[in-house]
């Protein structure tokens, strides 16, 4: 029976080990710098870390563990997280933004908000066609109304002439009765 072949020697093992040691060293330096800054009550930022430890941002940006550590302790990022959390709380208290919808004149559950672009374009086009049809109907009604107004004016003029004629006729009849 033959022995299984020995695994090939890892040619780059020493480089992987060195890179892992560098990563650990970066995380350790960053932890010490953050601890020192927090003890001194100073803000944790890229500038203060560089000042205390000499670590450039790119050194821990490329190291996922170190970057996560920085993000957890960063003063600026923690303020941003607190703001975002406060905004989420206030938006929940406001009734999920219904005031914004009221200010914009949009109903909070407007079904048009769920349409895709193609359907919205189709809806807008059908609404425009319906509006054009209504405008044409309105024009016809306005013309008919004008014709009715002219007819009424003509009839009122004829009525005025008739009443004037009747008044003259009555007065002439009364004169004839008194003159015998």
N, C-alpha and C. Protein backbone atom coordinates (compact mmCIF):
# COMPACT_ATOMS: atom_id res chain seq x y z
N UNK A 1 0.83 -1.16 0.00
CA UNK A 1 0.00 0.00 0.00
C UNK A 1 0.89 1.24 0.00
N UNK A 2 0.48 2.20 -0.81
CA UNK A 2 1.29 3.41 -0.89
C UNK A 2 0.74 4.47 0.03
N UNK A 3 1.60 5.31 0.50
CA UNK A 3 1.19 6.39 1.40
C UNK A 3 0.55 7.51 0.59
N UNK A 4 -0.47 8.18 1.18
CA UNK A 4 -1.06 9.29 0.46
C UNK A 4 -0.03 10.39 0.28
N UNK A 5 -0.14 11.10 -0.82
CA UNK A 5 0.85 12.15 -1.04
C UNK A 5 0.74 13.23 0.03
N UNK A 6 1.85 13.75 0.44
CA UNK A 6 1.86 14.81 1.45
C UNK A 6 1.32 16.08 0.81
N UNK A 7 0.52 16.82 1.59
CA UNK A 7 -0.02 18.04 1.00
C UNK A 7 1.11 18.98 0.61
N UNK A 8 0.89 19.63 -0.49
CA UNK A 8 1.91 20.57 -0.97
C UNK A 8 2.11 21.66 0.06
N UNK A 9 3.32 22.05 0.22
CA UNK A 9 3.64 23.09 1.19
C UNK A 9 2.98 24.39 0.75
N UNK A 10 2.32 25.07 1.70
CA UNK A 10 1.65 26.34 1.40
C UNK A 10 2.72 27.38 1.17
N UNK A 11 2.85 27.79 -0.08
CA UNK A 11 3.91 28.73 -0.43
C UNK A 11 3.66 30.12 0.13
N UNK A 12 2.39 30.43 0.37
CA UNK A 12 2.06 31.79 0.83
C UNK A 12 1.56 31.82 2.27
N UNK A 13 1.73 30.75 2.97
CA UNK A 13 1.26 30.66 4.35
C UNK A 13 1.88 31.72 5.23
N UNK A 14 3.15 31.95 5.05
CA UNK A 14 3.84 32.94 5.87
C UNK A 14 3.27 34.35 5.62
N UNK A 15 2.85 34.61 4.38
CA UNK A 15 2.26 35.92 4.08
C UNK A 15 0.88 36.06 4.72
N UNK A 16 0.10 34.98 4.67
CA UNK A 16 -1.22 35.01 5.31
C UNK A 16 -1.08 35.22 6.82
N UNK A 17 -0.12 34.55 7.42
CA UNK A 17 0.10 34.68 8.86
C UNK A 17 0.52 36.12 9.20
N UNK A 18 1.38 36.70 8.37
CA UNK A 18 1.83 38.07 8.61
C UNK A 18 0.66 39.05 8.48
N UNK A 19 -0.19 38.84 7.45
CA UNK A 19 -1.35 39.72 7.26
C UNK A 19 -2.31 39.61 8.44
N UNK A 20 -2.52 38.39 8.94
CA UNK A 20 -3.40 38.20 10.10
C UNK A 20 -2.82 38.90 11.32
N UNK A 21 -1.50 38.81 11.49
CA UNK A 21 -0.85 39.49 12.63
C UNK A 21 -1.00 41.00 12.49
N UNK A 22 -0.88 41.53 11.28
CA UNK A 22 -1.03 42.97 11.06
C UNK A 22 -2.47 43.39 11.37
N UNK A 23 -3.43 42.59 10.97
CA UNK A 23 -4.83 42.91 11.26
C UNK A 23 -5.07 42.97 12.77
N UNK A 24 -4.54 41.95 13.47
CA UNK A 24 -4.70 41.95 14.93
C UNK A 24 -4.02 43.17 15.55
N UNK A 25 -2.85 43.51 15.05
CA UNK A 25 -2.11 44.66 15.57
C UNK A 25 -2.89 45.95 15.32
N UNK A 26 -3.51 46.06 14.15
CA UNK A 26 -4.30 47.25 13.84
C UNK A 26 -5.49 47.35 14.78
N UNK A 27 -6.18 46.23 14.99
CA UNK A 27 -7.34 46.23 15.89
C UNK A 27 -6.90 46.60 17.31
N UNK A 28 -5.77 46.04 17.76
CA UNK A 28 -5.27 46.35 19.11
C UNK A 28 -4.91 47.82 19.25
N UNK A 29 -4.20 48.38 18.26
CA UNK A 29 -3.84 49.81 18.30
C UNK A 29 -5.09 50.67 18.32
N UNK A 30 -6.08 50.29 17.51
CA UNK A 30 -7.32 51.06 17.45
C UNK A 30 -8.06 50.98 18.78
N UNK A 31 -8.10 49.79 19.40
CA UNK A 31 -8.77 49.65 20.70
C UNK A 31 -8.10 50.53 21.74
N UNK A 32 -6.76 50.53 21.75
CA UNK A 32 -6.05 51.36 22.72
C UNK A 32 -6.33 52.84 22.48
N UNK A 33 -6.33 53.26 21.21
CA UNK A 33 -6.58 54.67 20.89
C UNK A 33 -7.99 55.08 21.30
N UNK A 34 -8.97 54.23 21.03
CA UNK A 34 -10.36 54.54 21.40
C UNK A 34 -10.49 54.61 22.91
N UNK A 35 -9.88 53.65 23.60
CA UNK A 35 -9.94 53.66 25.07
C UNK A 35 -9.32 54.94 25.63
N UNK A 36 -8.18 55.35 25.09
CA UNK A 36 -7.52 56.57 25.56
C UNK A 36 -8.40 57.79 25.29
N UNK A 37 -8.98 57.87 24.11
CA UNK A 37 -9.84 59.02 23.78
C UNK A 37 -11.07 59.07 24.67
N UNK A 38 -11.65 57.92 24.93
CA UNK A 38 -12.85 57.89 25.79
C UNK A 38 -12.50 58.25 27.22
N UNK A 39 -11.33 57.81 27.69
CA UNK A 39 -10.88 58.18 29.03
C UNK A 39 -10.71 59.69 29.15
N UNK A 40 -10.13 60.30 28.10
CA UNK A 40 -9.88 61.74 28.12
C UNK A 40 -11.14 62.54 27.82
N UNK A 41 -12.20 61.87 27.43
CA UNK A 41 -13.45 62.56 27.12
C UNK A 41 -13.41 63.30 25.79
N UNK A 42 -12.54 62.87 24.92
CA UNK A 42 -12.41 63.50 23.62
C UNK A 42 -13.27 62.75 22.59
N UNK A 43 -13.65 63.42 21.54
CA UNK A 43 -14.45 62.74 20.51
C UNK A 43 -13.61 61.70 19.78
N UNK A 44 -14.27 60.61 19.42
CA UNK A 44 -13.61 59.55 18.65
C UNK A 44 -13.87 59.84 17.18
N UNK A 45 -12.84 60.24 16.47
CA UNK A 45 -12.96 60.53 15.05
C UNK A 45 -11.68 60.09 14.36
N UNK A 46 -11.68 60.13 13.06
CA UNK A 46 -10.49 59.72 12.31
C UNK A 46 -9.29 60.61 12.65
N UNK A 47 -9.56 61.88 12.88
CA UNK A 47 -8.47 62.81 13.16
C UNK A 47 -7.87 62.57 14.54
N UNK A 48 -8.73 62.37 15.54
CA UNK A 48 -8.21 62.16 16.90
C UNK A 48 -7.52 60.81 17.00
N UNK A 49 -8.00 59.79 16.29
CA UNK A 49 -7.32 58.48 16.30
C UNK A 49 -5.94 58.60 15.67
N UNK A 50 -5.84 59.33 14.58
CA UNK A 50 -4.53 59.52 13.94
C UNK A 50 -3.60 60.27 14.89
N UNK A 51 -4.16 61.25 15.59
CA UNK A 51 -3.34 62.04 16.52
C UNK A 51 -2.81 61.18 17.66
N UNK A 52 -3.66 60.28 18.20
CA UNK A 52 -3.28 59.48 19.37
C UNK A 52 -2.43 58.28 18.98
N UNK A 53 -2.83 57.56 17.91
CA UNK A 53 -2.16 56.31 17.60
C UNK A 53 -1.32 56.33 16.33
N UNK A 54 -1.52 57.34 15.51
CA UNK A 54 -0.79 57.39 14.25
C UNK A 54 -1.43 56.53 13.16
N UNK A 55 -2.56 55.92 13.45
CA UNK A 55 -3.25 55.08 12.45
C UNK A 55 -4.01 55.95 11.47
N UNK A 56 -3.76 55.73 10.20
CA UNK A 56 -4.51 56.42 9.16
C UNK A 56 -5.85 55.70 8.98
N UNK A 57 -6.83 56.44 8.52
CA UNK A 57 -8.18 55.87 8.34
C UNK A 57 -8.14 54.66 7.41
N UNK A 58 -7.35 54.72 6.36
CA UNK A 58 -7.30 53.61 5.40
C UNK A 58 -6.76 52.34 6.03
N UNK A 59 -5.97 52.45 7.08
CA UNK A 59 -5.43 51.26 7.75
C UNK A 59 -6.55 50.45 8.39
N UNK A 60 -7.52 51.10 8.99
CA UNK A 60 -8.61 50.32 9.58
C UNK A 60 -9.83 50.27 8.68
N UNK A 61 -9.87 51.05 7.61
CA UNK A 61 -10.96 50.95 6.64
C UNK A 61 -10.88 49.62 5.90
N UNK A 62 -9.66 49.16 5.63
CA UNK A 62 -9.47 47.90 4.90
C UNK A 62 -9.62 46.68 5.80
N UNK A 63 -9.63 46.89 7.11
CA UNK A 63 -9.75 45.80 8.08
C UNK A 63 -11.18 45.80 8.61
N UNK A 64 -11.96 44.81 8.24
CA UNK A 64 -13.39 44.83 8.58
C UNK A 64 -13.65 44.85 10.08
N UNK A 65 -12.86 44.11 10.85
CA UNK A 65 -13.05 44.09 12.30
C UNK A 65 -12.73 45.46 12.90
N UNK A 66 -11.65 46.07 12.45
CA UNK A 66 -11.26 47.39 12.96
C UNK A 66 -12.27 48.45 12.54
N UNK A 67 -12.76 48.36 11.32
CA UNK A 67 -13.75 49.34 10.85
C UNK A 67 -15.03 49.23 11.66
N UNK A 68 -15.46 48.01 11.95
CA UNK A 68 -16.67 47.81 12.77
C UNK A 68 -16.46 48.41 14.16
N UNK A 69 -15.27 48.21 14.72
CA UNK A 69 -14.94 48.77 16.02
C UNK A 69 -15.00 50.30 15.97
N UNK A 70 -14.40 50.90 14.95
CA UNK A 70 -14.43 52.36 14.80
C UNK A 70 -15.86 52.85 14.69
N UNK A 71 -16.66 52.21 13.87
CA UNK A 71 -18.04 52.66 13.67
C UNK A 71 -18.87 52.56 14.94
N UNK A 72 -18.59 51.55 15.77
CA UNK A 72 -19.33 51.43 17.04
C UNK A 72 -18.98 52.57 17.99
N UNK A 73 -17.74 53.03 17.95
CA UNK A 73 -17.28 54.03 18.92
C UNK A 73 -17.21 55.45 18.38
N UNK A 74 -17.39 55.64 17.11
CA UNK A 74 -17.25 56.97 16.51
C UNK A 74 -18.28 57.93 17.10
N UNK A 75 -17.82 59.08 17.54
CA UNK A 75 -18.70 60.08 18.14
C UNK A 75 -19.67 60.62 17.10
N UNK A 76 -19.16 60.95 15.93
CA UNK A 76 -20.01 61.50 14.86
C UNK A 76 -21.07 60.48 14.44
N UNK A 77 -20.65 59.24 14.22
CA UNK A 77 -21.61 58.22 13.77
C UNK A 77 -22.63 57.91 14.85
N UNK A 78 -22.22 57.95 16.12
CA UNK A 78 -23.20 57.68 17.18
C UNK A 78 -24.23 58.80 17.27
N UNK A 79 -23.79 60.05 17.00
CA UNK A 79 -24.75 61.17 16.97
C UNK A 79 -25.72 60.99 15.81
N UNK A 80 -25.19 60.56 14.66
CA UNK A 80 -26.05 60.34 13.49
C UNK A 80 -27.04 59.22 13.77
N UNK A 81 -26.59 58.16 14.44
CA UNK A 81 -27.51 57.06 14.79
C UNK A 81 -28.59 57.56 15.74
N UNK A 82 -28.20 58.39 16.71
CA UNK A 82 -29.18 58.92 17.67
C UNK A 82 -30.20 59.80 16.95
N UNK A 83 -29.73 60.63 15.99
CA UNK A 83 -30.66 61.47 15.22
C UNK A 83 -31.63 60.62 14.42
N UNK A 84 -31.09 59.61 13.76
CA UNK A 84 -31.94 58.73 12.93
C UNK A 84 -32.97 58.02 13.81
N UNK A 85 -32.53 57.58 14.97
CA UNK A 85 -33.45 56.89 15.87
C UNK A 85 -34.52 57.86 16.38
N UNK A 86 -34.12 59.09 16.69
CA UNK A 86 -35.10 60.09 17.14
C UNK A 86 -36.08 60.40 16.03
N UNK A 87 -35.57 60.50 14.79
CA UNK A 87 -36.47 60.75 13.66
C UNK A 87 -37.45 59.61 13.47
N UNK A 88 -36.97 58.39 13.64
CA UNK A 88 -37.88 57.24 13.51
C UNK A 88 -38.95 57.30 14.60
N UNK A 89 -38.54 57.66 15.82
CA UNK A 89 -39.51 57.75 16.91
C UNK A 89 -40.54 58.82 16.64
N UNK A 90 -40.08 60.00 16.20
CA UNK A 90 -41.03 61.09 15.97
C UNK A 90 -41.92 60.79 14.78
N UNK A 91 -41.39 60.10 13.77
CA UNK A 91 -42.26 59.79 12.63
C UNK A 91 -43.31 58.77 13.03
N UNK A 92 -42.98 57.86 13.93
CA UNK A 92 -43.99 56.92 14.41
C UNK A 92 -45.04 57.65 15.24
N UNK A 93 -44.60 58.63 16.02
CA UNK A 93 -45.54 59.38 16.84
C UNK A 93 -46.44 60.26 16.00
N UNK A 94 -45.96 60.71 14.86
CA UNK A 94 -46.77 61.59 14.01
C UNK A 94 -47.81 60.81 13.22
N UNK A 95 -47.82 59.51 13.35
CA UNK A 95 -48.80 58.74 12.60
C UNK A 95 -48.27 58.39 11.23
N UNK A 96 -47.01 58.01 11.19
CA UNK A 96 -46.33 57.58 9.96
C UNK A 96 -46.42 58.58 8.83
N UNK A 97 -46.21 59.86 9.15
CA UNK A 97 -46.07 60.87 8.10
C UNK A 97 -47.36 61.36 7.48
N UNK A 98 -48.47 61.19 8.15
CA UNK A 98 -49.73 61.62 7.55
C UNK A 98 -49.82 63.13 7.44
N UNK A 99 -49.11 63.86 8.32
CA UNK A 99 -49.12 65.32 8.22
C UNK A 99 -48.48 65.76 6.91
N UNK A 100 -47.41 65.06 6.50
CA UNK A 100 -46.76 65.39 5.24
C UNK A 100 -47.73 65.22 4.09
N UNK A 101 -48.49 64.12 4.12
CA UNK A 101 -49.46 63.90 3.06
C UNK A 101 -50.52 64.99 3.06
N UNK A 102 -50.96 65.40 4.25
CA UNK A 102 -51.99 66.44 4.32
C UNK A 102 -51.45 67.77 3.80
N UNK A 103 -50.18 68.07 4.14
CA UNK A 103 -49.57 69.32 3.67
C UNK A 103 -49.48 69.34 2.15
N UNK A 104 -49.16 68.20 1.56
CA UNK A 104 -49.00 68.12 0.11
C UNK A 104 -50.33 67.94 -0.59
N UNK A 105 -51.41 67.72 0.15
CA UNK A 105 -52.72 67.54 -0.46
C UNK A 105 -52.92 66.15 -1.02
N UNK A 106 -52.17 65.17 -0.52
CA UNK A 106 -52.28 63.80 -0.98
C UNK A 106 -52.90 62.97 0.14
N UNK A 107 -53.86 62.14 -0.20
CA UNK A 107 -54.45 61.25 0.79
C UNK A 107 -53.39 60.23 1.21
N UNK A 108 -53.35 59.85 2.51
CA UNK A 108 -52.31 58.95 2.97
C UNK A 108 -52.36 57.57 2.30
N UNK A 109 -53.49 57.13 1.88
CA UNK A 109 -53.61 55.82 1.22
C UNK A 109 -54.04 56.00 -0.23
N UNK A 110 -53.44 56.95 -0.91
CA UNK A 110 -53.78 57.25 -2.29
C UNK A 110 -53.41 56.05 -3.17
N UNK A 111 -54.36 55.46 -3.88
CA UNK A 111 -54.05 54.28 -4.69
C UNK A 111 -53.11 54.59 -5.85
N UNK A 112 -53.03 55.84 -6.28
CA UNK A 112 -52.13 56.18 -7.38
C UNK A 112 -50.66 56.02 -6.99
N UNK A 113 -50.37 56.07 -5.69
CA UNK A 113 -48.99 55.91 -5.24
C UNK A 113 -48.47 54.50 -5.49
N UNK A 114 -49.36 53.53 -5.66
CA UNK A 114 -48.95 52.15 -5.88
C UNK A 114 -48.80 51.80 -7.36
N UNK A 115 -49.18 52.70 -8.27
CA UNK A 115 -49.12 52.40 -9.70
C UNK A 115 -47.68 52.49 -10.21
N UNK A 116 -47.40 51.70 -11.24
CA UNK A 116 -46.11 51.84 -11.90
C UNK A 116 -46.24 52.92 -12.98
N UNK A 117 -45.12 53.27 -13.61
CA UNK A 117 -45.12 54.39 -14.56
C UNK A 117 -46.05 54.13 -15.74
N UNK A 118 -46.03 52.93 -16.28
CA UNK A 118 -46.84 52.63 -17.46
C UNK A 118 -48.32 52.80 -17.14
N UNK A 119 -48.73 52.29 -15.99
CA UNK A 119 -50.14 52.41 -15.61
C UNK A 119 -50.51 53.86 -15.33
N UNK A 120 -49.59 54.61 -14.70
CA UNK A 120 -49.86 56.03 -14.44
C UNK A 120 -50.03 56.81 -15.74
N UNK A 121 -49.16 56.52 -16.72
CA UNK A 121 -49.27 57.21 -18.01
C UNK A 121 -50.61 56.88 -18.66
N UNK A 122 -51.01 55.61 -18.59
CA UNK A 122 -52.30 55.21 -19.17
C UNK A 122 -53.44 55.92 -18.45
N UNK A 123 -53.36 56.02 -17.13
CA UNK A 123 -54.41 56.70 -16.36
C UNK A 123 -54.45 58.19 -16.71
N UNK A 124 -53.28 58.80 -16.84
CA UNK A 124 -53.24 60.24 -17.17
C UNK A 124 -53.81 60.47 -18.56
N UNK A 125 -53.46 59.61 -19.50
CA UNK A 125 -53.99 59.78 -20.86
C UNK A 125 -55.50 59.59 -20.89
N UNK A 126 -56.01 58.61 -20.17
CA UNK A 126 -57.47 58.42 -20.18
C UNK A 126 -58.15 59.60 -19.49
N UNK A 127 -57.53 60.14 -18.43
CA UNK A 127 -58.10 61.30 -17.76
C UNK A 127 -58.08 62.52 -18.69
N UNK A 128 -57.01 62.67 -19.47
CA UNK A 128 -56.93 63.79 -20.42
C UNK A 128 -58.00 63.65 -21.50
N UNK A 129 -58.19 62.41 -22.00
CA UNK A 129 -59.22 62.19 -23.02
C UNK A 129 -60.61 62.48 -22.45
N UNK A 130 -60.83 62.05 -21.22
CA UNK A 130 -62.12 62.32 -20.57
C UNK A 130 -62.32 63.82 -20.37
N UNK A 131 -61.25 64.52 -19.98
CA UNK A 131 -61.33 65.97 -19.80
C UNK A 131 -61.65 66.67 -21.12
N UNK A 132 -60.97 66.24 -22.20
CA UNK A 132 -61.23 66.82 -23.52
C UNK A 132 -62.69 66.62 -23.93
N UNK A 133 -63.20 65.42 -23.66
CA UNK A 133 -64.59 65.11 -23.98
C UNK A 133 -65.54 66.01 -23.17
N UNK A 134 -65.22 66.19 -21.90
CA UNK A 134 -66.05 67.05 -21.05
C UNK A 134 -65.99 68.50 -21.51
N UNK A 135 -64.80 68.96 -21.93
CA UNK A 135 -64.67 70.33 -22.44
C UNK A 135 -65.51 70.53 -23.69
N UNK A 136 -65.50 69.53 -24.57
CA UNK A 136 -66.32 69.63 -25.79
C UNK A 136 -67.80 69.67 -25.43
N UNK A 137 -68.21 68.83 -24.49
CA UNK A 137 -69.60 68.83 -24.04
C UNK A 137 -69.95 70.18 -23.40
N UNK A 138 -69.03 70.72 -22.62
CA UNK A 138 -69.25 72.02 -21.99
C UNK A 138 -69.41 73.12 -23.04
N UNK A 139 -68.56 73.08 -24.09
CA UNK A 139 -68.69 74.08 -25.16
C UNK A 139 -70.07 74.01 -25.82
N UNK A 140 -70.53 72.77 -26.07
CA UNK A 140 -71.86 72.61 -26.68
C UNK A 140 -72.95 73.17 -25.76
N UNK A 141 -72.82 72.88 -24.47
CA UNK A 141 -73.80 73.40 -23.51
C UNK A 141 -73.74 74.93 -23.44
N UNK A 142 -72.53 75.49 -23.50
CA UNK A 142 -72.39 76.95 -23.45
C UNK A 142 -73.01 77.58 -24.70
N UNK A 143 -72.83 76.95 -25.86
CA UNK A 143 -73.45 77.47 -27.09
C UNK A 143 -74.97 77.40 -26.99
N UNK A 144 -75.48 76.29 -26.49
CA UNK A 144 -76.93 76.16 -26.34
C UNK A 144 -77.47 77.19 -25.35
N UNK A 145 -76.71 77.42 -24.28
CA UNK A 145 -77.11 78.42 -23.29
C UNK A 145 -77.15 79.81 -23.93
N UNK A 146 -76.15 80.12 -24.77
CA UNK A 146 -76.13 81.42 -25.47
C UNK A 146 -77.34 81.54 -26.39
N UNK A 147 -77.68 80.46 -27.12
CA UNK A 147 -78.85 80.50 -28.00
C UNK A 147 -80.11 80.73 -27.18
N UNK A 148 -80.20 80.05 -26.05
CA UNK A 148 -81.38 80.25 -25.19
C UNK A 148 -81.44 81.68 -24.67
N UNK A 149 -80.29 82.22 -24.30
CA UNK A 149 -80.24 83.60 -23.82
C UNK A 149 -80.68 84.58 -24.91
N UNK A 150 -80.22 84.36 -26.14
CA UNK A 150 -80.63 85.22 -27.25
C UNK A 150 -82.14 85.11 -27.51
N UNK A 151 -82.66 83.89 -27.46
CA UNK A 151 -84.10 83.69 -27.67
C UNK A 151 -84.89 84.39 -26.57
N UNK A 152 -84.43 84.28 -25.35
CA UNK A 152 -85.12 84.94 -24.23
C UNK A 152 -85.08 86.45 -24.41
N UNK A 153 -83.93 86.99 -24.80
CA UNK A 153 -83.81 88.45 -25.02
C UNK A 153 -84.75 88.89 -26.14
N UNK A 154 -84.81 88.11 -27.24
CA UNK A 154 -85.69 88.45 -28.36
C UNK A 154 -87.16 88.42 -27.91
N UNK A 155 -87.52 87.39 -27.15
CA UNK A 155 -88.91 87.28 -26.67
C UNK A 155 -89.26 88.40 -25.69
N UNK A 156 -88.29 88.79 -24.85
CA UNK A 156 -88.54 89.90 -23.92
C UNK A 156 -88.74 91.21 -24.70
N UNK A 157 -87.96 91.39 -25.76
CA UNK A 157 -88.13 92.60 -26.58
C UNK A 157 -89.51 92.60 -27.25
N UNK A 158 -89.92 91.46 -27.78
CA UNK A 158 -91.24 91.36 -28.40
C UNK A 158 -92.34 91.59 -27.37
N UNK A 159 -92.14 91.05 -26.16
CA UNK A 159 -93.13 91.25 -25.10
C UNK A 159 -93.22 92.72 -24.75
N UNK A 160 -92.08 93.40 -24.67
CA UNK A 160 -92.08 94.83 -24.36
C UNK A 160 -92.81 95.61 -25.45
N UNK A 161 -92.56 95.25 -26.73
CA UNK A 161 -93.27 95.90 -27.83
C UNK A 161 -94.77 95.64 -27.74
N UNK A 162 -95.13 94.39 -27.45
CA UNK A 162 -96.54 94.03 -27.36
C UNK A 162 -97.21 94.80 -26.22
N UNK A 163 -96.52 94.87 -25.05
CA UNK A 163 -97.11 95.60 -23.92
C UNK A 163 -97.26 97.09 -24.24
N UNK A 164 -96.27 97.65 -24.92
CA UNK A 164 -96.36 99.06 -25.31
C UNK A 164 -97.53 99.26 -26.28
N UNK A 165 -97.65 98.32 -27.24
CA UNK A 165 -98.77 98.41 -28.19
C UNK A 165 -100.10 98.30 -27.46
N UNK A 166 -100.20 97.36 -26.53
CA UNK A 166 -101.46 97.18 -25.79
C UNK A 166 -101.77 98.42 -24.96
N UNK A 167 -100.77 99.01 -24.39
CA UNK A 167 -100.99 100.24 -23.60
C UNK A 167 -101.52 101.35 -24.49
N UNK A 168 -100.92 101.53 -25.67
CA UNK A 168 -101.42 102.55 -26.60
C UNK A 168 -102.84 102.24 -27.06
N UNK A 169 -103.09 100.95 -27.32
CA UNK A 169 -104.42 100.54 -27.77
C UNK A 169 -105.47 100.82 -26.70
N UNK A 170 -105.19 100.51 -25.45
CA UNK A 170 -106.15 100.76 -24.36
C UNK A 170 -106.39 102.25 -24.18
N UNK A 171 -105.30 103.01 -24.25
CA UNK A 171 -105.48 104.46 -24.07
C UNK A 171 -106.31 105.04 -25.23
N UNK A 172 -106.13 104.56 -26.45
CA UNK A 172 -106.94 105.06 -27.56
C UNK A 172 -108.40 104.63 -27.41
N UNK A 173 -108.66 103.44 -26.90
CA UNK A 173 -110.04 102.99 -26.65
C UNK A 173 -110.70 103.86 -25.59
N UNK A 174 -109.96 104.18 -24.56
CA UNK A 174 -110.52 105.02 -23.50
C UNK A 174 -110.82 106.42 -24.01
N UNK A 175 -109.99 106.91 -24.89
CA UNK A 175 -110.25 108.25 -25.46
C UNK A 175 -111.52 108.22 -26.30
N UNK A 176 -111.73 107.20 -27.05
CA UNK A 176 -112.91 107.09 -27.89
C UNK A 176 -114.17 106.98 -27.03
N UNK A 177 -114.10 106.30 -25.93
CA UNK A 177 -115.26 106.16 -25.05
C UNK A 177 -115.59 107.49 -24.40
N UNK A 178 -114.65 108.31 -24.09
CA UNK A 178 -114.90 109.59 -23.43
C UNK A 178 -115.27 110.67 -24.43
N UNK A 179 -115.09 110.49 -25.66
CA UNK A 179 -115.35 111.54 -26.64
C UNK A 179 -116.71 111.39 -27.31
N UNK A 180 -117.58 110.80 -27.06
CA UNK A 180 -118.80 110.61 -27.87
C UNK A 180 -119.42 111.84 -28.36
